[in-house]
């Protein structure tokens, strides 16, 4: 349970950081870098939650014994 709360706080921190960085880059005229920083934040969070998604699929598979 502690790891999932820690993960939620890390995801929130990355979201806040990426949104601030994106706004700063957009106001300085670097829209392409703002998009890439948002994409990097999204990929980072996806890599963090990927094991939990795989665990969910395995649980559903064993529950319905597919």
C-alpha atoms as a PDB file:
ATOM      1  CA  UNK A   1       0.000   0.000   0.000  1.00  0.00           C
ATOM      2  CA  UNK A   2       2.843   2.364   0.812  1.00  0.00           C
ATOM      3  CA  UNK A   3       4.381   1.929  -2.636  1.00  0.00           C
ATOM      4  CA  UNK A   4       1.152   2.857  -4.393  1.00  0.00           C
ATOM      5  CA  UNK A   5       0.813   6.086  -2.362  1.00  0.00           C
ATOM      6  CA  UNK A   6       4.437   6.888  -3.130  1.00  0.00           C
ATOM      7  CA  UNK A   7       3.769   6.257  -6.802  1.00  0.00           C
ATOM      8  CA  UNK A   8       0.783   8.610  -6.789  1.00  0.00           C
ATOM      9  CA  UNK A   9       2.900  11.376  -5.258  1.00  0.00           C
ATOM     10  CA  UNK A  10       5.663  10.801  -7.820  1.00  0.00           C
ATOM     11  CA  UNK A  11       3.156  10.964 -10.686  1.00  0.00           C
ATOM     12  CA  UNK A  12       1.698  14.181  -9.264  1.00  0.00           C
ATOM     13  CA  UNK A  13       5.179  15.701  -8.921  1.00  0.00           C
ATOM     14  CA  UNK A  14       6.038  14.838 -12.527  1.00  0.00           C
ATOM     15  CA  UNK A  15       2.724  16.306 -13.682  1.00  0.00           C
ATOM     16  CA  UNK A  16       3.326  19.582 -11.872  1.00  0.00           C
ATOM     17  CA  UNK A  17       6.921  19.777 -13.071  1.00  0.00           C
ATOM     18  CA  UNK A  18       6.020  19.032 -16.679  1.00  0.00           C
ATOM     19  CA  UNK A  19       3.157  21.541 -16.723  1.00  0.00           C
ATOM     20  CA  UNK A  20       5.358  24.337 -15.328  1.00  0.00           C
ATOM     21  CA  UNK A  21       8.177  23.494 -17.729  1.00  0.00           C
ATOM     22  CA  UNK A  22       5.754  23.335 -20.638  1.00  0.00           C
ATOM     23  CA  UNK A  23       4.274  26.750 -19.816  1.00  0.00           C
ATOM     24  CA  UNK A  24       7.720  28.318 -19.494  1.00  0.00           C
ATOM     25  CA  UNK A  25       8.817  26.851 -22.813  1.00  0.00           C
ATOM     26  CA  UNK A  26       5.607  27.923 -24.568  1.00  0.00           C
ATOM     27  CA  UNK A  27       5.946  31.507 -23.371  1.00  0.00           C
ATOM     28  CA  UNK A  28       9.529  31.620 -24.593  1.00  0.00           C
ATOM     29  CA  UNK A  29       8.442  30.490 -28.048  1.00  0.00           C
ATOM     30  CA  UNK A  30       9.785  26.940 -27.849  1.00  0.00           C
ATOM     31  CA  UNK A  31       6.578  25.048 -28.599  1.00  0.00           C
ATOM     32  CA  UNK A  32       8.445  22.045 -29.981  1.00  0.00           C
ATOM     33  CA  UNK A  33      10.479  21.646 -26.796  1.00  0.00           C
ATOM     34  CA  UNK A  34       7.310  22.052 -24.704  1.00  0.00           C
ATOM     35  CA  UNK A  35       5.703  19.199 -26.622  1.00  0.00           C
ATOM     36  CA  UNK A  36       8.790  16.999 -26.212  1.00  0.00           C
ATOM     37  CA  UNK A  37       8.964  17.664 -22.476  1.00  0.00           C
ATOM     38  CA  UNK A  38       5.292  16.727 -22.121  1.00  0.00           C
ATOM     39  CA  UNK A  39       5.892  13.568 -24.120  1.00  0.00           C
ATOM     40  CA  UNK A  40       8.910  12.681 -21.971  1.00  0.00           C
ATOM     41  CA  UNK A  41       6.860  13.127 -18.803  1.00  0.00           C
ATOM     42  CA  UNK A  42       4.108  10.927 -20.182  1.00  0.00           C
ATOM     43  CA  UNK A  43       6.563   8.180 -21.135  1.00  0.00           C
ATOM     44  CA  UNK A  44       8.222   8.330 -17.724  1.00  0.00           C
ATOM     45  CA  UNK A  45       4.905   7.873 -15.936  1.00  0.00           C
ATOM     46  CA  UNK A  46       3.897   5.068 -18.310  1.00  0.00           C
ATOM     47  CA  UNK A  47       7.112   3.198 -17.522  1.00  0.00           C
ATOM     48  CA  UNK A  48       6.382   3.599 -13.812  1.00  0.00           C
ATOM     49  CA  UNK A  49       2.843   2.210 -14.016  1.00  0.00           C
ATOM     50  CA  UNK A  50       3.517  -0.510 -16.591  1.00  0.00           C
ATOM     51  CA  UNK A  51       4.278  -3.216 -13.957  1.00  0.00           C
ATOM     52  CA  UNK A  52       0.992  -2.440 -12.193  1.00  0.00           C
ATOM     53  CA  UNK A  53      -0.928  -2.722 -15.478  1.00  0.00           C
ATOM     54  CA  UNK A  54       0.724  -6.067 -16.246  1.00  0.00           C
ATOM     55  CA  UNK A  55      -0.115  -7.284 -12.741  1.00  0.00           C
ATOM     56  CA  UNK A  56      -3.728  -6.236 -13.288  1.00  0.00           C
ATOM     57  CA  UNK A  57      -3.927  -8.189 -16.551  1.00  0.00           C
ATOM     58  CA  UNK A  58      -2.411 -11.266 -14.903  1.00  0.00           C
ATOM     59  CA  UNK A  59      -4.906 -11.022 -12.046  1.00  0.00           C
ATOM     60  CA  UNK A  60      -7.841 -10.740 -14.454  1.00  0.00           C
ATOM     61  CA  UNK A  61      -6.483 -13.644 -16.486  1.00  0.00           C
ATOM     62  CA  UNK A  62      -6.196 -15.897 -13.442  1.00  0.00           C
ATOM     63  CA  UNK A  63      -9.582 -14.765 -12.129  1.00  0.00           C
ATOM     64  CA  UNK A  64     -11.382 -15.764 -15.294  1.00  0.00           C
ATOM     65  CA  UNK A  65      -8.817 -18.499 -16.076  1.00  0.00           C
ATOM     66  CA  UNK A  66      -8.537 -17.511 -19.713  1.00  0.00           C
END
